[in-house]
């Protein structure tokens, strides 16, 4: 296989591997649940991009495969932490009653603990808006998560 064809093959494989992550989650969400994994994944993507330009066909294949494996790890991590990521996402946008109803399959099916979280999230979100802290609250996702507990 020619070098250009190999680069295109691995670019398409990496793109396919990235879609499940990129479609549902963001880098900010990944950093909020596993900062080390996010940094390692960014490094791997940069290595792969560099190899596509300067590397040998073997380098492209090795780093392409490593990037695909990395995306698989990222998706697994995000699936494991989906509830936490959802809470952070809701807090960023403000609590959304329609999403809460949808998440539980109906207004009458929302459990008490979800209502309690929703009410706490509204209070925190409104306070941060009033105090002009909306943008700042995302500098450290762990602080936001603690506030919602």
C-alpha atoms as a PDB file:
ATOM      1  CA  UNK A   1       0.000   0.000   0.000  1.00  0.00           C
ATOM      2  CA  UNK A   2       1.335   3.440  -0.896  1.00  0.00           C
ATOM      3  CA  UNK A   3       2.097   5.924   1.868  1.00  0.00           C
ATOM      4  CA  UNK A   4      -0.659   8.337   0.810  1.00  0.00           C
ATOM      5  CA  UNK A   5      -3.235   5.542   0.747  1.00  0.00           C
ATOM      6  CA  UNK A   6      -2.094   4.362   4.173  1.00  0.00           C
ATOM      7  CA  UNK A   7      -2.449   7.877   5.609  1.00  0.00           C
ATOM      8  CA  UNK A   8      -5.961   8.176   4.170  1.00  0.00           C
ATOM      9  CA  UNK A   9      -6.886   4.725   5.489  1.00  0.00           C
ATOM     10  CA  UNK A  10      -5.789   5.580   9.024  1.00  0.00           C
ATOM     11  CA  UNK A  11      -7.329   9.048   8.902  1.00  0.00           C
ATOM     12  CA  UNK A  12     -10.668   7.448   8.047  1.00  0.00           C
ATOM     13  CA  UNK A  13     -10.286   4.866  10.827  1.00  0.00           C
ATOM     14  CA  UNK A  14      -9.385   7.527  13.394  1.00  0.00           C
ATOM     15  CA  UNK A  15     -12.330   9.659  12.272  1.00  0.00           C
ATOM     16  CA  UNK A  16     -14.691   6.691  12.595  1.00  0.00           C
ATOM     17  CA  UNK A  17     -13.321   5.930  16.058  1.00  0.00           C
ATOM     18  CA  UNK A  18     -13.716   9.576  17.141  1.00  0.00           C
ATOM     19  CA  UNK A  19     -17.376   9.938  16.150  1.00  0.00           C
ATOM     20  CA  UNK A  20     -18.956   8.183  19.156  1.00  0.00           C
ATOM     21  CA  UNK A  21     -17.003  10.510  21.465  1.00  0.00           C
ATOM     22  CA  UNK A  22     -17.290  13.739  19.491  1.00  0.00           C
ATOM     23  CA  UNK A  23     -21.007  13.274  18.817  1.00  0.00           C
ATOM     24  CA  UNK A  24     -22.050  12.917  22.457  1.00  0.00           C
ATOM     25  CA  UNK A  25     -19.404  14.506  24.616  1.00  0.00           C
ATOM     26  CA  UNK A  26     -16.916  17.335  24.647  1.00  0.00           C
ATOM     27  CA  UNK A  27     -13.307  17.637  25.637  1.00  0.00           C
ATOM     28  CA  UNK A  28     -14.354  19.773  28.606  1.00  0.00           C
ATOM     29  CA  UNK A  29     -16.583  16.953  29.837  1.00  0.00           C
ATOM     30  CA  UNK A  30     -13.757  14.432  29.458  1.00  0.00           C
ATOM     31  CA  UNK A  31     -11.387  16.693  31.403  1.00  0.00           C
ATOM     32  CA  UNK A  32     -14.000  16.970  34.149  1.00  0.00           C
ATOM     33  CA  UNK A  33     -14.076  13.204  34.682  1.00  0.00           C
ATOM     34  CA  UNK A  34     -10.496  12.206  33.777  1.00  0.00           C
ATOM     35  CA  UNK A  35      -8.035  15.034  33.152  1.00  0.00           C
ATOM     36  CA  UNK A  36      -5.095  12.651  32.670  1.00  0.00           C
ATOM     37  CA  UNK A  37      -6.911  10.621  30.019  1.00  0.00           C
ATOM     38  CA  UNK A  38      -7.924  13.827  28.219  1.00  0.00           C
ATOM     39  CA  UNK A  39      -4.313  15.038  28.135  1.00  0.00           C
ATOM     40  CA  UNK A  40      -2.995  11.668  26.960  1.00  0.00           C
ATOM     41  CA  UNK A  41      -5.651  11.498  24.239  1.00  0.00           C
ATOM     42  CA  UNK A  42      -4.791  14.999  22.991  1.00  0.00           C
ATOM     43  CA  UNK A  43      -1.115  14.017  22.886  1.00  0.00           C
ATOM     44  CA  UNK A  44      -1.929  10.862  20.940  1.00  0.00           C
ATOM     45  CA  UNK A  45      -4.015  12.789  18.424  1.00  0.00           C
ATOM     46  CA  UNK A  46      -1.139  15.241  17.982  1.00  0.00           C
ATOM     47  CA  UNK A  47       1.315  12.351  17.484  1.00  0.00           C
ATOM     48  CA  UNK A  48      -0.972  10.813  14.879  1.00  0.00           C
ATOM     49  CA  UNK A  49      -1.389  14.135  13.050  1.00  0.00           C
ATOM     50  CA  UNK A  50       2.375  14.627  13.061  1.00  0.00           C
ATOM     51  CA  UNK A  51       3.001  11.108  11.755  1.00  0.00           C
ATOM     52  CA  UNK A  52       0.532  11.689   8.915  1.00  0.00           C
ATOM     53  CA  UNK A  53       2.784  14.518   7.744  1.00  0.00           C
ATOM     54  CA  UNK A  54       6.314  13.456   8.696  1.00  0.00           C
ATOM     55  CA  UNK A  55       6.178   9.780   9.623  1.00  0.00           C
ATOM     56  CA  UNK A  56       6.875   6.593   7.780  1.00  0.00           C
ATOM     57  CA  UNK A  57       3.988   4.337   6.750  1.00  0.00           C
ATOM     58  CA  UNK A  58       4.793   2.184   9.781  1.00  0.00           C
ATOM     59  CA  UNK A  59       4.589   5.259  12.068  1.00  0.00           C
ATOM     60  CA  UNK A  60       1.223   6.233  10.573  1.00  0.00           C
ATOM     61  CA  UNK A  61      -0.181   2.735  11.102  1.00  0.00           C
ATOM     62  CA  UNK A  62       1.152   2.473  14.667  1.00  0.00           C
ATOM     63  CA  UNK A  63      -0.098   5.900  15.744  1.00  0.00           C
ATOM     64  CA  UNK A  64      -3.376   5.455  13.857  1.00  0.00           C
ATOM     65  CA  UNK A  65      -4.045   2.213  15.695  1.00  0.00           C
ATOM     66  CA  UNK A  66      -3.046   3.787  19.021  1.00  0.00           C
ATOM     67  CA  UNK A  67      -5.409   6.711  18.393  1.00  0.00           C
ATOM     68  CA  UNK A  68      -8.285   4.355  17.582  1.00  0.00           C
ATOM     69  CA  UNK A  69      -7.590   2.460  20.831  1.00  0.00           C
ATOM     70  CA  UNK A  70      -7.441   5.785  22.659  1.00  0.00           C
ATOM     71  CA  UNK A  71     -10.861   6.820  21.392  1.00  0.00           C
ATOM     72  CA  UNK A  72     -12.241   3.460  22.525  1.00  0.00           C
ATOM     73  CA  UNK A  73     -10.869   4.163  26.025  1.00  0.00           C
ATOM     74  CA  UNK A  74     -12.332   7.685  26.010  1.00  0.00           C
ATOM     75  CA  UNK A  75     -15.796   6.441  25.013  1.00  0.00           C
ATOM     76  CA  UNK A  76     -15.664   3.752  27.712  1.00  0.00           C
ATOM     77  CA  UNK A  77     -14.661   6.363  30.302  1.00  0.00           C
ATOM     78  CA  UNK A  78     -17.441   8.735  29.261  1.00  0.00           C
ATOM     79  CA  UNK A  79     -20.024   5.958  29.344  1.00  0.00           C
ATOM     80  CA  UNK A  80     -18.891   5.068  32.851  1.00  0.00           C
ATOM     81  CA  UNK A  81     -19.278   8.693  33.969  1.00  0.00           C
ATOM     82  CA  UNK A  82     -22.379   9.558  31.914  1.00  0.00           C
ATOM     83  CA  UNK A  83     -24.499  10.549  34.924  1.00  0.00           C
ATOM     84  CA  UNK A  84     -21.840  12.941  36.230  1.00  0.00           C
ATOM     85  CA  UNK A  85     -21.345  14.463  32.791  1.00  0.00           C
ATOM     86  CA  UNK A  86     -25.112  14.899  32.447  1.00  0.00           C
ATOM     87  CA  UNK A  87     -25.306  16.730  35.776  1.00  0.00           C
ATOM     88  CA  UNK A  88     -22.477  19.048  34.737  1.00  0.00           C
ATOM     89  CA  UNK A  89     -24.113  19.661  31.368  1.00  0.00           C
ATOM     90  CA  UNK A  90     -27.445  20.484  32.991  1.00  0.00           C
ATOM     91  CA  UNK A  91     -25.762  22.879  35.382  1.00  0.00           C
ATOM     92  CA  UNK A  92     -24.012  24.647  32.506  1.00  0.00           C
ATOM     93  CA  UNK A  93     -27.308  25.242  30.716  1.00  0.00           C
ATOM     94  CA  UNK A  94     -29.336  25.629  33.847  1.00  0.00           C
ATOM     95  CA  UNK A  95     -31.697  22.923  34.999  1.00  0.00           C
ATOM     96  CA  UNK A  96     -34.063  21.874  32.233  1.00  0.00           C
ATOM     97  CA  UNK A  97     -37.397  20.444  33.321  1.00  0.00           C
ATOM     98  CA  UNK A  98     -38.128  19.041  29.863  1.00  0.00           C
ATOM     99  CA  UNK A  99     -34.882  17.070  29.921  1.00  0.00           C
ATOM    100  CA  UNK A 100     -35.617  15.813  33.420  1.00  0.00           C
ATOM    101  CA  UNK A 101     -39.057  14.573  32.309  1.00  0.00           C
ATOM    102  CA  UNK A 102     -37.565  12.983  29.189  1.00  0.00           C
ATOM    103  CA  UNK A 103     -34.778  11.327  31.178  1.00  0.00           C
ATOM    104  CA  UNK A 104     -37.272   9.630  33.499  1.00  0.00           C
ATOM    105  CA  UNK A 105     -39.971   8.839  30.959  1.00  0.00           C
ATOM    106  CA  UNK A 106     -42.633  11.165  32.302  1.00  0.00           C
ATOM    107  CA  UNK A 107     -43.330  13.870  34.842  1.00  0.00           C
ATOM    108  CA  UNK A 108     -44.978  11.450  37.256  1.00  0.00           C
ATOM    109  CA  UNK A 109     -42.020   9.045  37.042  1.00  0.00           C
ATOM    110  CA  UNK A 110     -39.364  11.468  38.292  1.00  0.00           C
ATOM    111  CA  UNK A 111     -38.001  10.087  41.589  1.00  0.00           C
ATOM    112  CA  UNK A 112     -37.669  12.258  44.677  1.00  0.00           C
ATOM    113  CA  UNK A 113     -33.850  12.325  44.540  1.00  0.00           C
ATOM    114  CA  UNK A 114     -33.989  13.678  40.973  1.00  0.00           C
ATOM    115  CA  UNK A 115     -36.373  16.422  42.106  1.00  0.00           C
ATOM    116  CA  UNK A 116     -34.057  17.252  44.992  1.00  0.00           C
ATOM    117  CA  UNK A 117     -31.074  17.471  42.654  1.00  0.00           C
ATOM    118  CA  UNK A 118     -33.100  19.599  40.215  1.00  0.00           C
ATOM    119  CA  UNK A 119     -34.061  22.059  42.944  1.00  0.00           C
ATOM    120  CA  UNK A 120     -30.456  22.327  44.244  1.00  0.00           C
ATOM    121  CA  UNK A 121     -29.194  22.796  40.689  1.00  0.00           C
ATOM    122  CA  UNK A 122     -31.678  25.629  40.102  1.00  0.00           C
ATOM    123  CA  UNK A 123     -30.569  27.409  43.263  1.00  0.00           C
ATOM    124  CA  UNK A 124     -26.858  27.066  42.447  1.00  0.00           C
ATOM    125  CA  UNK A 125     -27.332  28.073  38.821  1.00  0.00           C
ATOM    126  CA  UNK A 126     -29.438  31.140  39.676  1.00  0.00           C
ATOM    127  CA  UNK A 127     -27.013  32.243  42.372  1.00  0.00           C
ATOM    128  CA  UNK A 128     -24.105  32.002  39.974  1.00  0.00           C
ATOM    129  CA  UNK A 129     -25.991  33.991  37.346  1.00  0.00           C
ATOM    130  CA  UNK A 130     -26.919  36.697  39.842  1.00  0.00           C
ATOM    131  CA  UNK A 131     -23.382  36.900  41.197  1.00  0.00           C
ATOM    132  CA  UNK A 132     -21.843  37.014  37.714  1.00  0.00           C
ATOM    133  CA  UNK A 133     -20.073  33.721  38.285  1.00  0.00           C
ATOM    134  CA  UNK A 134     -21.626  31.785  35.411  1.00  0.00           C
ATOM    135  CA  UNK A 135     -18.472  31.692  33.266  1.00  0.00           C
ATOM    136  CA  UNK A 136     -16.156  31.119  36.215  1.00  0.00           C
ATOM    137  CA  UNK A 137     -18.050  28.099  37.484  1.00  0.00           C
ATOM    138  CA  UNK A 138     -16.595  25.948  34.708  1.00  0.00           C
ATOM    139  CA  UNK A 139     -12.954  26.652  35.511  1.00  0.00           C
ATOM    140  CA  UNK A 140     -13.018  23.790  37.989  1.00  0.00           C
ATOM    141  CA  UNK A 141     -15.732  21.213  37.265  1.00  0.00           C
ATOM    142  CA  UNK A 142     -15.114  19.493  40.612  1.00  0.00           C
ATOM    143  CA  UNK A 143     -16.256  22.619  42.471  1.00  0.00           C
ATOM    144  CA  UNK A 144     -19.440  22.695  40.416  1.00  0.00           C
ATOM    145  CA  UNK A 145     -20.049  19.025  41.080  1.00  0.00           C
ATOM    146  CA  UNK A 146     -19.551  19.571  44.816  1.00  0.00           C
ATOM    147  CA  UNK A 147     -22.051  22.435  44.783  1.00  0.00           C
ATOM    148  CA  UNK A 148     -24.682  20.178  43.247  1.00  0.00           C
ATOM    149  CA  UNK A 149     -24.290  17.411  45.825  1.00  0.00           C
END
